[in-house]
Amino acid sequence: MKRTQRGMTLIGFIITLAVVGVFVYMGMKTIPMYSEYYAVKQALNGLAQEPGVTGYDPAKIKDLFFRRLYISYADNVKAENVKVVRKDAGYVMTVEYEVRKPLIANLDVVGKFKADQELRRGAVD
């Protein structure tokens, strides 16, 4: 009786391990970018819930926003990426920024993020 072996060869296992390793490495580079974007969205939502936010001037609104981001260690959002525009009885705050992280050799991962939030009078004002 002849027994045949089944399974993956060593070369096949090494190639599979290398492919999985590349995807894990790419995830390690991209997940922090998206968690920072989530922190930006949370800061905008929290700012919208702030009582009396529509009575503040745009500089004070930006200051409150960056204080919320400071807690989340969001480093890629700069003052020039934030715009506060008057709309009706409130403001529209837009945060648009780009994150570039080196991946492998001369390849970079680039993430472009944009978040908008209306700041208006609510029931708490």
PDB file of N, CA and C in Angstrom:
ATOM      1  N   MET A   1       0.814  -1.173   0.000  1.00  0.00           N
ATOM      2  CA  MET A   1       0.000   0.000   0.000  1.00  0.00           C
ATOM      3  C   MET A   1       0.866   1.248   0.000  1.00  0.00           C
ATOM      4  N   LYS A   2       0.534   2.109  -0.903  1.00  0.00           N
ATOM      5  CA  LYS A   2       1.273   3.356  -1.013  1.00  0.00           C
ATOM      6  C   LYS A   2       0.448   4.476  -0.372  1.00  0.00           C
ATOM      7  N   ARG A   3       1.100   5.205   0.548  1.00  0.00           N
ATOM      8  CA  ARG A   3       0.405   6.329   1.198  1.00  0.00           C
ATOM      9  C   ARG A   3       0.837   7.629   0.540  1.00  0.00           C
ATOM     10  N   THR A   4      -0.131   8.464   0.236  1.00  0.00           N
ATOM     11  CA  THR A   4       0.189   9.777  -0.333  1.00  0.00           C
ATOM     12  C   THR A   4       0.013  10.820   0.759  1.00  0.00           C
ATOM     13  N   GLN A   5       0.921  11.713   0.775  1.00  0.00           N
ATOM     14  CA  GLN A   5       0.842  12.786   1.767  1.00  0.00           C
ATOM     15  C   GLN A   5       0.057  13.953   1.197  1.00  0.00           C
ATOM     16  N   ARG A   6      -0.678  14.584   2.053  1.00  0.00           N
ATOM     17  CA  ARG A   6      -1.438  15.757   1.648  1.00  0.00           C
ATOM     18  C   ARG A   6      -1.014  16.924   2.522  1.00  0.00           C
ATOM     19  N   GLY A   7      -1.148  18.103   1.973  1.00  0.00           N
ATOM     20  CA  GLY A   7      -0.815  19.286   2.767  1.00  0.00           C
ATOM     21  C   GLY A   7      -0.011  20.268   1.959  1.00  0.00           C
ATOM     22  N   MET A   8       0.437  21.274   2.642  1.00  0.00           N
ATOM     23  CA  MET A   8       1.164  22.374   2.010  1.00  0.00           C
ATOM     24  C   MET A   8       2.659  22.112   2.114  1.00  0.00           C
ATOM     25  N   THR A   9       3.352  22.438   1.056  1.00  0.00           N
ATOM     26  CA  THR A   9       4.805  22.291   1.077  1.00  0.00           C
ATOM     27  C   THR A   9       5.414  23.458   1.842  1.00  0.00           C
ATOM     28  N   LEU A  10       6.672  23.333   2.162  1.00  0.00           N
ATOM     29  CA  LEU A  10       7.359  24.398   2.901  1.00  0.00           C
ATOM     30  C   LEU A  10       7.406  25.689   2.089  1.00  0.00           C
ATOM     31  N   ILE A  11       7.659  25.596   0.803  1.00  0.00           N
ATOM     32  CA  ILE A  11       7.697  26.781  -0.058  1.00  0.00           C
ATOM     33  C   ILE A  11       6.320  27.440  -0.121  1.00  0.00           C
ATOM     34  N   GLY A  12       5.283  26.635  -0.245  1.00  0.00           N
ATOM     35  CA  GLY A  12       3.922  27.175  -0.269  1.00  0.00           C
ATOM     36  C   GLY A  12       3.574  27.868   1.037  1.00  0.00           C
ATOM     37  N   PHE A  13       4.015  27.279   2.152  1.00  0.00           N
ATOM     38  CA  PHE A  13       3.760  27.881   3.461  1.00  0.00           C
ATOM     39  C   PHE A  13       4.494  29.211   3.609  1.00  0.00           C
ATOM     40  N   ILE A  14       5.726  29.286   3.156  1.00  0.00           N
ATOM     41  CA  ILE A  14       6.514  30.527   3.243  1.00  0.00           C
ATOM     42  C   ILE A  14       5.889  31.618   2.374  1.00  0.00           C
ATOM     43  N   ILE A  15       5.432  31.269   1.179  1.00  0.00           N
ATOM     44  CA  ILE A  15       4.786  32.259   0.305  1.00  0.00           C
ATOM     45  C   ILE A  15       3.486  32.753   0.937  1.00  0.00           C
ATOM     46  N   THR A  16       2.692  31.851   1.477  1.00  0.00           N
ATOM     47  CA  THR A  16       1.446  32.242   2.141  1.00  0.00           C
ATOM     48  C   THR A  16       1.735  33.139   3.340  1.00  0.00           C
ATOM     49  N   LEU A  17       2.736  32.796   4.115  1.00  0.00           N
ATOM     50  CA  LEU A  17       3.123  33.594   5.268  1.00  0.00           C
ATOM     51  C   LEU A  17       3.587  34.986   4.843  1.00  0.00           C
ATOM     52  N   ALA A  18       4.316  35.089   3.736  1.00  0.00           N
ATOM     53  CA  ALA A  18       4.775  36.382   3.242  1.00  0.00           C
ATOM     54  C   ALA A  18       3.598  37.248   2.789  1.00  0.00           C
ATOM     55  N   VAL A  19       2.635  36.674   2.093  1.00  0.00           N
ATOM     56  CA  VAL A  19       1.466  37.434   1.642  1.00  0.00           C
ATOM     57  C   VAL A  19       0.654  37.933   2.833  1.00  0.00           C
ATOM     58  N   VAL A  20       0.435  37.067   3.803  1.00  0.00           N
ATOM     59  CA  VAL A  20      -0.294  37.464   5.004  1.00  0.00           C
ATOM     60  C   VAL A  20       0.477  38.551   5.755  1.00  0.00           C
ATOM     61  N   GLY A  21       1.788  38.423   5.812  1.00  0.00           N
ATOM     62  CA  GLY A  21       2.627  39.425   6.477  1.00  0.00           C
ATOM     63  C   GLY A  21       2.531  40.792   5.826  1.00  0.00           C
ATOM     64  N   VAL A  22       2.485  40.822   4.508  1.00  0.00           N
ATOM     65  CA  VAL A  22       2.357  42.103   3.796  1.00  0.00           C
ATOM     66  C   VAL A  22       1.022  42.758   4.119  1.00  0.00           C
ATOM     67  N   PHE A  23      -0.056  41.972   4.138  1.00  0.00           N
ATOM     68  CA  PHE A  23      -1.368  42.542   4.464  1.00  0.00           C
ATOM     69  C   PHE A  23      -1.446  43.014   5.917  1.00  0.00           C
ATOM     70  N   VAL A  24      -0.829  42.296   6.825  1.00  0.00           N
ATOM     71  CA  VAL A  24      -0.797  42.733   8.223  1.00  0.00           C
ATOM     72  C   VAL A  24      -0.008  44.032   8.355  1.00  0.00           C
ATOM     73  N   TYR A  25       1.117  44.121   7.650  1.00  0.00           N
ATOM     74  CA  TYR A  25       1.935  45.339   7.682  1.00  0.00           C
ATOM     75  C   TYR A  25       1.164  46.526   7.106  1.00  0.00           C
ATOM     76  N   MET A  26       0.433  46.303   6.011  1.00  0.00           N
ATOM     77  CA  MET A  26      -0.384  47.386   5.444  1.00  0.00           C
ATOM     78  C   MET A  26      -1.478  47.802   6.421  1.00  0.00           C
ATOM     79  N   GLY A  27      -2.052  46.849   7.115  1.00  0.00           N
ATOM     80  CA  GLY A  27      -3.059  47.179   8.124  1.00  0.00           C
ATOM     81  C   GLY A  27      -2.473  47.990   9.265  1.00  0.00           C
ATOM     82  N   MET A  28      -1.251  47.674   9.649  1.00  0.00           N
ATOM     83  CA  MET A  28      -0.596  48.422  10.715  1.00  0.00           C
ATOM     84  C   MET A  28      -0.344  49.868  10.305  1.00  0.00           C
ATOM     85  N   LYS A  29      -0.201  50.129   9.028  1.00  0.00           N
ATOM     86  CA  LYS A  29       0.007  51.496   8.547  1.00  0.00           C
ATOM     87  C   LYS A  29      -1.306  52.252   8.347  1.00  0.00           C
ATOM     88  N   THR A  30      -2.378  51.561   7.980  1.00  0.00           N
ATOM     89  CA  THR A  30      -3.623  52.256   7.653  1.00  0.00           C
ATOM     90  C   THR A  30      -4.590  52.378   8.827  1.00  0.00           C
ATOM     91  N   ILE A  31      -4.594  51.447   9.733  1.00  0.00           N
ATOM     92  CA  ILE A  31      -5.548  51.495  10.849  1.00  0.00           C
ATOM     93  C   ILE A  31      -5.372  52.748  11.707  1.00  0.00           C
ATOM     94  N   PRO A  32      -4.159  53.195  12.033  1.00  0.00           N
ATOM     95  CA  PRO A  32      -4.042  54.443  12.796  1.00  0.00           C
ATOM     96  C   PRO A  32      -4.609  55.662  12.066  1.00  0.00           C
ATOM     97  N   MET A  33      -4.530  55.681  10.737  1.00  0.00           N
ATOM     98  CA  MET A  33      -5.096  56.800   9.977  1.00  0.00           C
ATOM     99  C   MET A  33      -6.607  56.841  10.154  1.00  0.00           C
ATOM    100  N   TYR A  34      -7.241  55.689  10.088  1.00  0.00           N
ATOM    101  CA  TYR A  34      -8.693  55.644  10.232  1.00  0.00           C
ATOM    102  C   TYR A  34      -9.144  55.865  11.675  1.00  0.00           C
ATOM    103  N   SER A  35      -8.344  55.444  12.637  1.00  0.00           N
ATOM    104  CA  SER A  35      -8.713  55.720  14.026  1.00  0.00           C
ATOM    105  C   SER A  35      -8.587  57.211  14.324  1.00  0.00           C
ATOM    106  N   GLU A  36      -7.636  57.884  13.681  1.00  0.00           N
ATOM    107  CA  GLU A  36      -7.538  59.337  13.830  1.00  0.00           C
ATOM    108  C   GLU A  36      -8.746  60.028  13.185  1.00  0.00           C
ATOM    109  N   TYR A  37      -9.182  59.541  12.038  1.00  0.00           N
ATOM    110  CA  TYR A  37     -10.373  60.099  11.391  1.00  0.00           C
ATOM    111  C   TYR A  37     -11.603  59.902  12.279  1.00  0.00           C
ATOM    112  N   TYR A  38     -11.681  58.752  12.936  1.00  0.00           N
ATOM    113  CA  TYR A  38     -12.779  58.502  13.859  1.00  0.00           C
ATOM    114  C   TYR A  38     -12.725  59.497  15.025  1.00  0.00           C
ATOM    115  N   ALA A  39     -11.523  59.818  15.506  1.00  0.00           N
ATOM    116  CA  ALA A  39     -11.370  60.801  16.582  1.00  0.00           C
ATOM    117  C   ALA A  39     -11.817  62.185  16.117  1.00  0.00           C
ATOM    118  N   VAL A  40     -11.521  62.526  14.857  1.00  0.00           N
ATOM    119  CA  VAL A  40     -11.974  63.810  14.302  1.00  0.00           C
ATOM    120  C   VAL A  40     -13.494  63.846  14.263  1.00  0.00           C
ATOM    121  N   LYS A  41     -14.120  62.764  13.802  1.00  0.00           N
ATOM    122  CA  LYS A  41     -15.581  62.706  13.747  1.00  0.00           C
ATOM    123  C   LYS A  41     -16.180  62.816  15.152  1.00  0.00           C
ATOM    124  N   GLN A  42     -15.577  62.154  16.122  1.00  0.00           N
ATOM    125  CA  GLN A  42     -16.064  62.219  17.497  1.00  0.00           C
ATOM    126  C   GLN A  42     -15.927  63.636  18.055  1.00  0.00           C
ATOM    127  N   ALA A  43     -14.810  64.302  17.751  1.00  0.00           N
ATOM    128  CA  ALA A  43     -14.614  65.674  18.228  1.00  0.00           C
ATOM    129  C   ALA A  43     -15.646  66.611  17.604  1.00  0.00           C
ATOM    130  N   LEU A  44     -15.948  66.419  16.320  1.00  0.00           N
ATOM    131  CA  LEU A  44     -16.958  67.252  15.669  1.00  0.00           C
ATOM    132  C   LEU A  44     -18.343  67.003  16.265  1.00  0.00           C
ATOM    133  N   ASN A  45     -18.683  65.745  16.496  1.00  0.00           N
ATOM    134  CA  ASN A  45     -19.982  65.427  17.093  1.00  0.00           C
ATOM    135  C   ASN A  45     -20.086  65.986  18.511  1.00  0.00           C
ATOM    136  N   GLY A  46     -19.019  65.884  19.270  1.00  0.00           N
ATOM    137  CA  GLY A  46     -19.015  66.434  20.621  1.00  0.00           C
ATOM    138  C   GLY A  46     -19.143  67.942  20.619  1.00  0.00           C
ATOM    139  N   LEU A  47     -18.506  68.578  19.654  1.00  0.00           N
ATOM    140  CA  LEU A  47     -18.591  70.035  19.534  1.00  0.00           C
ATOM    141  C   LEU A  47     -20.000  70.466  19.159  1.00  0.00           C
ATOM    142  N   ALA A  48     -20.677  69.682  18.344  1.00  0.00           N
ATOM    143  CA  ALA A  48     -22.052  69.997  17.967  1.00  0.00           C
ATOM    144  C   ALA A  48     -22.989  69.894  19.165  1.00  0.00           C
ATOM    145  N   GLN A  49     -22.651  69.050  20.142  1.00  0.00           N
ATOM    146  CA  GLN A  49     -23.470  68.896  21.343  1.00  0.00           C
ATOM    147  C   GLN A  49     -23.156  69.941  22.411  1.00  0.00           C
ATOM    148  N   GLU A  50     -22.093  70.704  22.194  1.00  0.00           N
ATOM    149  CA  GLU A  50     -21.674  71.730  23.167  1.00  0.00           C
ATOM    150  C   GLU A  50     -22.756  72.800  23.303  1.00  0.00           C
ATOM    151  N   PRO A  51     -23.205  73.081  24.513  1.00  0.00           N
ATOM    152  CA  PRO A  51     -24.234  74.111  24.674  1.00  0.00           C
ATOM    153  C   PRO A  51     -23.686  75.499  24.335  1.00  0.00           C
ATOM    154  N   GLY A  52     -24.434  76.255  23.551  1.00  0.00           N
ATOM    155  CA  GLY A  52     -24.061  77.622  23.209  1.00  0.00           C
ATOM    156  C   GLY A  52     -22.955  77.756  22.185  1.00  0.00           C
ATOM    157  N   VAL A  53     -22.652  76.695  21.445  1.00  0.00           N
ATOM    158  CA  VAL A  53     -21.543  76.743  20.492  1.00  0.00           C
ATOM    159  C   VAL A  53     -21.801  77.750  19.366  1.00  0.00           C
ATOM    160  N   THR A  54     -23.057  77.994  19.049  1.00  0.00           N
ATOM    161  CA  THR A  54     -23.352  78.943  17.963  1.00  0.00           C
ATOM    162  C   THR A  54     -23.095  80.382  18.380  1.00  0.00           C
ATOM    163  N   GLY A  55     -22.954  80.638  19.658  1.00  0.00           N
ATOM    164  CA  GLY A  55     -22.659  81.986  20.130  1.00  0.00           C
ATOM    165  C   GLY A  55     -21.181  82.312  20.140  1.00  0.00           C
ATOM    166  N   TYR A  56     -20.331  81.329  19.903  1.00  0.00           N
ATOM    167  CA  TYR A  56     -18.886  81.544  19.901  1.00  0.00           C
ATOM    168  C   TYR A  56     -18.419  82.056  18.550  1.00  0.00           C
ATOM    169  N   ASP A  57     -17.262  82.703  18.545  1.00  0.00           N
ATOM    170  CA  ASP A  57     -16.665  83.110  17.269  1.00  0.00           C
ATOM    171  C   ASP A  57     -15.886  81.920  16.694  1.00  0.00           C
ATOM    172  N   PRO A  58     -15.570  81.944  15.389  1.00  0.00           N
ATOM    173  CA  PRO A  58     -14.879  80.802  14.760  1.00  0.00           C
ATOM    174  C   PRO A  58     -13.549  80.436  15.417  1.00  0.00           C
ATOM    175  N   ALA A  59     -12.806  81.408  15.917  1.00  0.00           N
ATOM    176  CA  ALA A  59     -11.529  81.101  16.566  1.00  0.00           C
ATOM    177  C   ALA A  59     -11.751  80.282  17.836  1.00  0.00           C
ATOM    178  N   LYS A  60     -12.765  80.617  18.619  1.00  0.00           N
ATOM    179  CA  LYS A  60     -13.076  79.875  19.842  1.00  0.00           C
ATOM    180  C   LYS A  60     -13.555  78.459  19.501  1.00  0.00           C
ATOM    181  N   ILE A  61     -14.337  78.321  18.413  1.00  0.00           N
ATOM    182  CA  ILE A  61     -14.813  77.002  17.985  1.00  0.00           C
ATOM    183  C   ILE A  61     -13.638  76.120  17.576  1.00  0.00           C
ATOM    184  N   LYS A  62     -12.688  76.693  16.823  1.00  0.00           N
ATOM    185  CA  LYS A  62     -11.498  75.931  16.438  1.00  0.00           C
ATOM    186  C   LYS A  62     -10.695  75.522  17.665  1.00  0.00           C
ATOM    187  N   ASP A  63     -10.576  76.423  18.625  1.00  0.00           N
ATOM    188  CA  ASP A  63      -9.838  76.120  19.847  1.00  0.00           C
ATOM    189  C   ASP A  63     -10.491  74.959  20.599  1.00  0.00           C
ATOM    190  N   LEU A  64     -11.798  74.981  20.724  1.00  0.00           N
ATOM    191  CA  LEU A  64     -12.500  73.881  21.384  1.00  0.00           C
ATOM    192  C   LEU A  64     -12.310  72.562  20.630  1.00  0.00           C
ATOM    193  N   PHE A  65     -12.335  72.644  19.299  1.00  0.00           N
ATOM    194  CA  PHE A  65     -12.144  71.447  18.473  1.00  0.00           C
ATOM    195  C   PHE A  65     -10.743  70.857  18.698  1.00  0.00           C
ATOM    196  N   PHE A  66      -9.715  71.715  18.674  1.00  0.00           N
ATOM    197  CA  PHE A  66      -8.353  71.206  18.834  1.00  0.00           C
ATOM    198  C   PHE A  66      -8.090  70.724  20.259  1.00  0.00           C
ATOM    199  N   ARG A  67      -8.784  71.254  21.240  1.00  0.00           N
ATOM    200  CA  ARG A  67      -8.664  70.714  22.594  1.00  0.00           C
ATOM    201  C   ARG A  67      -9.210  69.294  22.656  1.00  0.00           C
ATOM    202  N   ARG A  68     -10.303  69.061  21.945  1.00  0.00           N
ATOM    203  CA  ARG A  68     -10.861  67.703  21.902  1.00  0.00           C
ATOM    204  C   ARG A  68      -9.937  66.755  21.143  1.00  0.00           C
ATOM    205  N   LEU A  69      -9.296  67.245  20.092  1.00  0.00           N
ATOM    206  CA  LEU A  69      -8.370  66.396  19.333  1.00  0.00           C
ATOM    207  C   LEU A  69      -7.099  66.102  20.117  1.00  0.00           C
ATOM    208  N   TYR A  70      -6.661  67.040  20.931  1.00  0.00           N
ATOM    209  CA  TYR A  70      -5.440  66.858  21.714  1.00  0.00           C
ATOM    210  C   TYR A  70      -5.556  65.637  22.621  1.00  0.00           C
ATOM    211  N   ILE A  71      -6.741  65.408  23.141  1.00  0.00           N
ATOM    212  CA  ILE A  71      -6.977  64.260  24.014  1.00  0.00           C
ATOM    213  C   ILE A  71      -6.817  62.956  23.236  1.00  0.00           C
ATOM    214  N   SER A  72      -7.164  62.966  21.950  1.00  0.00           N
ATOM    215  CA  SER A  72      -7.131  61.758  21.123  1.00  0.00           C
ATOM    216  C   SER A  72      -5.800  61.535  20.415  1.00  0.00           C
ATOM    217  N   TYR A  73      -4.816  62.397  20.664  1.00  0.00           N
ATOM    218  CA  TYR A  73      -3.500  62.288  20.025  1.00  0.00           C
ATOM    219  C   TYR A  73      -3.581  62.328  18.505  1.00  0.00           C
ATOM    220  N   ALA A  74      -4.437  63.179  17.973  1.00  0.00           N
ATOM    221  CA  ALA A  74      -4.548  63.339  16.520  1.00  0.00           C
ATOM    222  C   ALA A  74      -3.542  64.398  16.086  1.00  0.00           C
ATOM    223  N   ASP A  75      -2.477  63.963  15.413  1.00  0.00           N
ATOM    224  CA  ASP A  75      -1.378  64.861  15.057  1.00  0.00           C
ATOM    225  C   ASP A  75      -1.456  65.415  13.642  1.00  0.00           C
ATOM    226  N   ASN A  76      -2.209  64.798  12.773  1.00  0.00           N
ATOM    227  CA  ASN A  76      -2.181  65.161  11.363  1.00  0.00           C
ATOM    228  C   ASN A  76      -3.123  66.288  10.988  1.00  0.00           C
ATOM    229  N   VAL A  77      -4.022  66.683  11.853  1.00  0.00           N
ATOM    230  CA  VAL A  77      -4.960  67.767  11.569  1.00  0.00           C
ATOM    231  C   VAL A  77      -4.332  69.067  12.049  1.00  0.00           C
ATOM    232  N   LYS A  78      -4.134  69.987  11.128  1.00  0.00           N
ATOM    233  CA  LYS A  78      -3.541  71.292  11.433  1.00  0.00           C
ATOM    234  C   LYS A  78      -4.611  72.370  11.326  1.00  0.00           C
ATOM    235  N   ALA A  79      -4.289  73.563  11.787  1.00  0.00           N
ATOM    236  CA  ALA A  79      -5.251  74.674  11.782  1.00  0.00           C
ATOM    237  C   ALA A  79      -5.693  75.030  10.371  1.00  0.00           C
ATOM    238  N   GLU A  80      -4.808  74.890   9.398  1.00  0.00           N
ATOM    239  CA  GLU A  80      -5.174  75.232   8.018  1.00  0.00           C
ATOM    240  C   GLU A  80      -6.111  74.204   7.381  1.00  0.00           C
ATOM    241  N   ASN A  81      -6.277  73.060   8.028  1.00  0.00           N
ATOM    242  CA  ASN A  81      -7.193  72.031   7.523  1.00  0.00           C
ATOM    243  C   ASN A  81      -8.626  72.210   8.008  1.00  0.00           C
ATOM    244  N   VAL A  82      -8.851  73.167   8.899  1.00  0.00           N
ATOM    245  CA  VAL A  82     -10.169  73.357   9.517  1.00  0.00           C
ATOM    246  C   VAL A  82     -10.765  74.677   9.035  1.00  0.00           C
ATOM    247  N   LYS A  83     -12.008  74.588   8.554  1.00  0.00           N
ATOM    248  CA  LYS A  83     -12.723  75.790   8.104  1.00  0.00           C
ATOM    249  C   LYS A  83     -14.044  75.870   8.849  1.00  0.00           C
ATOM    250  N   VAL A  84     -14.348  77.067   9.351  1.00  0.00           N
ATOM    251  CA  VAL A  84     -15.618  77.323  10.017  1.00  0.00           C
ATOM    252  C   VAL A  84     -16.305  78.438   9.237  1.00  0.00           C
ATOM    253  N   VAL A  85     -17.485  78.121   8.677  1.00  0.00           N
ATOM    254  CA  VAL A  85     -18.219  79.061   7.827  1.00  0.00           C
ATOM    255  C   VAL A  85     -19.600  79.286   8.432  1.00  0.00           C
ATOM    256  N   ARG A  86     -20.012  80.538   8.459  1.00  0.00           N
ATOM    257  CA  ARG A  86     -21.335  80.886   8.987  1.00  0.00           C
ATOM    258  C   ARG A  86     -22.404  80.372   8.030  1.00  0.00           C
ATOM    259  N   LYS A  87     -23.434  79.724   8.601  1.00  0.00           N
ATOM    260  CA  LYS A  87     -24.561  79.248   7.804  1.00  0.00           C
ATOM    261  C   LYS A  87     -25.826  79.411   8.634  1.00  0.00           C
ATOM    262  N   ASP A  88     -26.761  80.183   8.133  1.00  0.00           N
ATOM    263  CA  ASP A  88     -28.024  80.452   8.808  1.00  0.00           C
ATOM    264  C   ASP A  88     -27.761  80.952  10.236  1.00  0.00           C
ATOM    265  N   ALA A  89     -28.282  80.256  11.230  1.00  0.00           N
ATOM    266  CA  ALA A  89     -28.127  80.685  12.620  1.00  0.00           C
ATOM    267  C   ALA A  89     -26.971  79.951  13.305  1.00  0.00           C
ATOM    268  N   GLY A  90     -26.145  79.265  12.537  1.00  0.00           N
ATOM    269  CA  GLY A  90     -25.040  78.511  13.127  1.00  0.00           C
ATOM    270  C   GLY A  90     -23.817  78.543  12.239  1.00  0.00           C
ATOM    271  N   TYR A  91     -23.061  77.472  12.281  1.00  0.00           N
ATOM    272  CA  TYR A  91     -21.837  77.340  11.486  1.00  0.00           C
ATOM    273  C   TYR A  91     -21.809  75.968  10.826  1.00  0.00           C
ATOM    274  N   VAL A  92     -20.983  75.862   9.791  1.00  0.00           N
ATOM    275  CA  VAL A  92     -20.621  74.570   9.213  1.00  0.00           C
ATOM    276  C   VAL A  92     -19.114  74.442   9.364  1.00  0.00           C
ATOM    277  N   MET A  93     -18.700  73.390  10.023  1.00  0.00           N
ATOM    278  CA  MET A  93     -17.273  73.160  10.251  1.00  0.00           C
ATOM    279  C   MET A  93     -16.823  72.031   9.345  1.00  0.00           C
ATOM    280  N   THR A  94     -15.775  72.279   8.565  1.00  0.00           N
ATOM    281  CA  THR A  94     -15.231  71.301   7.629  1.00  0.00           C
ATOM    282  C   THR A  94     -13.784  71.016   7.986  1.00  0.00           C
ATOM    283  N   VAL A  95     -13.472  69.757   8.122  1.00  0.00           N
ATOM    284  CA  VAL A  95     -12.095  69.323   8.380  1.00  0.00           C
ATOM    285  C   VAL A  95     -11.688  68.447   7.203  1.00  0.00           C
ATOM    286  N   GLU A  96     -10.685  68.908   6.459  1.00  0.00           N
ATOM    287  CA  GLU A  96     -10.212  68.175   5.278  1.00  0.00           C
ATOM    288  C   GLU A  96      -8.693  68.099   5.353  1.00  0.00           C
ATOM    289  N   TYR A  97      -8.178  66.881   5.414  1.00  0.00           N
ATOM    290  CA  TYR A  97      -6.733  66.712   5.561  1.00  0.00           C
ATOM    291  C   TYR A  97      -6.271  65.444   4.857  1.00  0.00           C
ATOM    292  N   GLU A  98      -4.963  65.335   4.715  1.00  0.00           N
ATOM    293  CA  GLU A  98      -4.338  64.198   4.035  1.00  0.00           C
ATOM    294  C   GLU A  98      -3.253  63.625   4.932  1.00  0.00           C
ATOM    295  N   VAL A  99      -3.189  62.308   4.973  1.00  0.00           N
ATOM    296  CA  VAL A  99      -2.167  61.614   5.748  1.00  0.00           C
ATOM    297  C   VAL A  99      -1.348  60.762   4.789  1.00  0.00           C
ATOM    298  N   ARG A 100      -0.043  60.886   4.867  1.00  0.00           N
ATOM    299  CA  ARG A 100       0.858  60.106   4.010  1.00  0.00           C
ATOM    300  C   ARG A 100       1.823  59.345   4.903  1.00  0.00           C
ATOM    301  N   LYS A 101       1.813  58.023   4.772  1.00  0.00           N
ATOM    302  CA  LYS A 101       2.700  57.161   5.558  1.00  0.00           C
ATOM    303  C   LYS A 101       3.540  56.316   4.610  1.00  0.00           C
ATOM    304  N   PRO A 102       4.851  56.188   4.868  1.00  0.00           N
ATOM    305  CA  PRO A 102       5.675  55.321   4.024  1.00  0.00           C
ATOM    306  C   PRO A 102       5.279  53.859   4.229  1.00  0.00           C
ATOM    307  N   LEU A 103       5.247  53.117   3.135  1.00  0.00           N
ATOM    308  CA  LEU A 103       4.854  51.707   3.213  1.00  0.00           C
ATOM    309  C   LEU A 103       6.067  50.813   3.021  1.00  0.00           C
ATOM    310  N   ILE A 104       6.496  50.657   1.790  1.00  0.00           N
ATOM    311  CA  ILE A 104       7.645  49.816   1.474  1.00  0.00           C
ATOM    312  C   ILE A 104       8.497  50.567   0.461  1.00  0.00           C
ATOM    313  N   ALA A 105       9.759  50.741   0.760  1.00  0.00           N
ATOM    314  CA  ALA A 105      10.714  51.433  -0.119  1.00  0.00           C
ATOM    315  C   ALA A 105      10.171  52.807  -0.502  1.00  0.00           C
ATOM    316  N   ASN A 106       9.878  53.025  -1.782  1.00  0.00           N
ATOM    317  CA  ASN A 106       9.390  54.340  -2.214  1.00  0.00           C
ATOM    318  C   ASN A 106       7.870  54.368  -2.390  1.00  0.00           C
ATOM    319  N   LEU A 107       7.155  53.416  -1.843  1.00  0.00           N
ATOM    320  CA  LEU A 107       5.702  53.392  -1.910  1.00  0.00           C
ATOM    321  C   LEU A 107       5.115  53.979  -0.635  1.00  0.00           C
ATOM    322  N   ASP A 108       4.122  54.842  -0.798  1.00  0.00           N
ATOM    323  CA  ASP A 108       3.447  55.472   0.327  1.00  0.00           C
ATOM    324  C   ASP A 108       1.981  55.097   0.336  1.00  0.00           C
ATOM    325  N   VAL A 109       1.391  55.098   1.523  1.00  0.00           N
ATOM    326  CA  VAL A 109      -0.048  54.972   1.674  1.00  0.00           C
ATOM    327  C   VAL A 109      -0.563  56.375   1.930  1.00  0.00           C
ATOM    328  N   VAL A 110      -1.526  56.815   1.110  1.00  0.00           N
ATOM    329  CA  VAL A 110      -2.076  58.159   1.239  1.00  0.00           C
ATOM    330  C   VAL A 110      -3.556  58.039   1.565  1.00  0.00           C
ATOM    331  N   GLY A 111      -3.955  58.732   2.603  1.00  0.00           N
ATOM    332  CA  GLY A 111      -5.361  58.774   2.975  1.00  0.00           C
ATOM    333  C   GLY A 111      -5.853  60.205   2.943  1.00  0.00           C
ATOM    334  N   LYS A 112      -6.942  60.451   2.211  1.00  0.00           N
ATOM    335  CA  LYS A 112      -7.559  61.775   2.172  1.00  0.00           C
ATOM    336  C   LYS A 112      -8.872  61.689   2.929  1.00  0.00           C
ATOM    337  N   PHE A 113      -9.021  62.555   3.910  1.00  0.00           N
ATOM    338  CA  PHE A 113     -10.179  62.495   4.783  1.00  0.00           C
ATOM    339  C   PHE A 113     -10.894  63.842   4.792  1.00  0.00           C
ATOM    340  N   LYS A 114     -12.222  63.776   4.855  1.00  0.00           N
ATOM    341  CA  LYS A 114     -13.035  64.988   4.918  1.00  0.00           C
ATOM    342  C   LYS A 114     -14.231  64.708   5.820  1.00  0.00           C
ATOM    343  N   ALA A 115     -14.468  65.624   6.754  1.00  0.00           N
ATOM    344  CA  ALA A 115     -15.602  65.492   7.663  1.00  0.00           C
ATOM    345  C   ALA A 115     -16.273  66.854   7.796  1.00  0.00           C
ATOM    346  N   ASP A 116     -17.598  66.867   7.732  1.00  0.00           N
ATOM    347  CA  ASP A 116     -18.398  68.086   7.884  1.00  0.00           C
ATOM    348  C   ASP A 116     -19.311  67.924   9.083  1.00  0.00           C
ATOM    349  N   GLN A 117     -19.564  69.037   9.754  1.00  0.00           N
ATOM    350  CA  GLN A 117     -20.511  69.022  10.868  1.00  0.00           C
ATOM    351  C   GLN A 117     -21.205  70.370  10.942  1.00  0.00           C
ATOM    352  N   GLU A 118     -22.528  70.328  11.039  1.00  0.00           N
ATOM    353  CA  GLU A 118     -23.294  71.552  11.247  1.00  0.00           C
ATOM    354  C   GLU A 118     -23.349  71.841  12.730  1.00  0.00           C
ATOM    355  N   LEU A 119     -23.032  73.072  13.077  1.00  0.00           N
ATOM    356  CA  LEU A 119     -23.138  73.536  14.450  1.00  0.00           C
ATOM    357  C   LEU A 119     -24.292  74.516  14.462  1.00  0.00           C
ATOM    358  N   ARG A 120     -25.384  74.139  15.088  1.00  0.00           N
ATOM    359  CA  ARG A 120     -26.554  75.007  15.083  1.00  0.00           C
ATOM    360  C   ARG A 120     -27.230  74.979  16.430  1.00  0.00           C
ATOM    361  N   ARG A 121     -28.149  75.887  16.568  1.00  0.00           N
ATOM    362  CA  ARG A 121     -28.878  75.982  17.824  1.00  0.00           C
ATOM    363  C   ARG A 121     -29.769  74.763  17.972  1.00  0.00           C
ATOM    364  N   GLY A 122     -29.750  74.220  19.158  1.00  0.00           N
ATOM    365  CA  GLY A 122     -30.616  73.079  19.432  1.00  0.00           C
ATOM    366  C   GLY A 122     -31.477  73.370  20.628  1.00  0.00           C
ATOM    367  N   ALA A 123     -31.960  72.331  21.249  1.00  0.00           N
ATOM    368  CA  ALA A 123     -32.844  72.477  22.412  1.00  0.00           C
ATOM    369  C   ALA A 123     -32.075  72.936  23.639  1.00  0.00           C
ATOM    370  N   VAL A 124     -30.735  72.737  23.656  1.00  0.00           N
ATOM    371  CA  VAL A 124     -29.959  73.078  24.851  1.00  0.00           C
ATOM    372  C   VAL A 124     -29.560  74.544  24.878  1.00  0.00           C
ATOM    373  N   ASP A 125     -29.649  75.269  23.758  1.00  0.00           N
ATOM    374  CA  ASP A 125     -29.251  76.684  23.722  1.00  0.00           C
ATOM    375  C   ASP A 125     -30.270  77.584  24.371  1.00  0.00           C
TER     376      ASP A 125
END
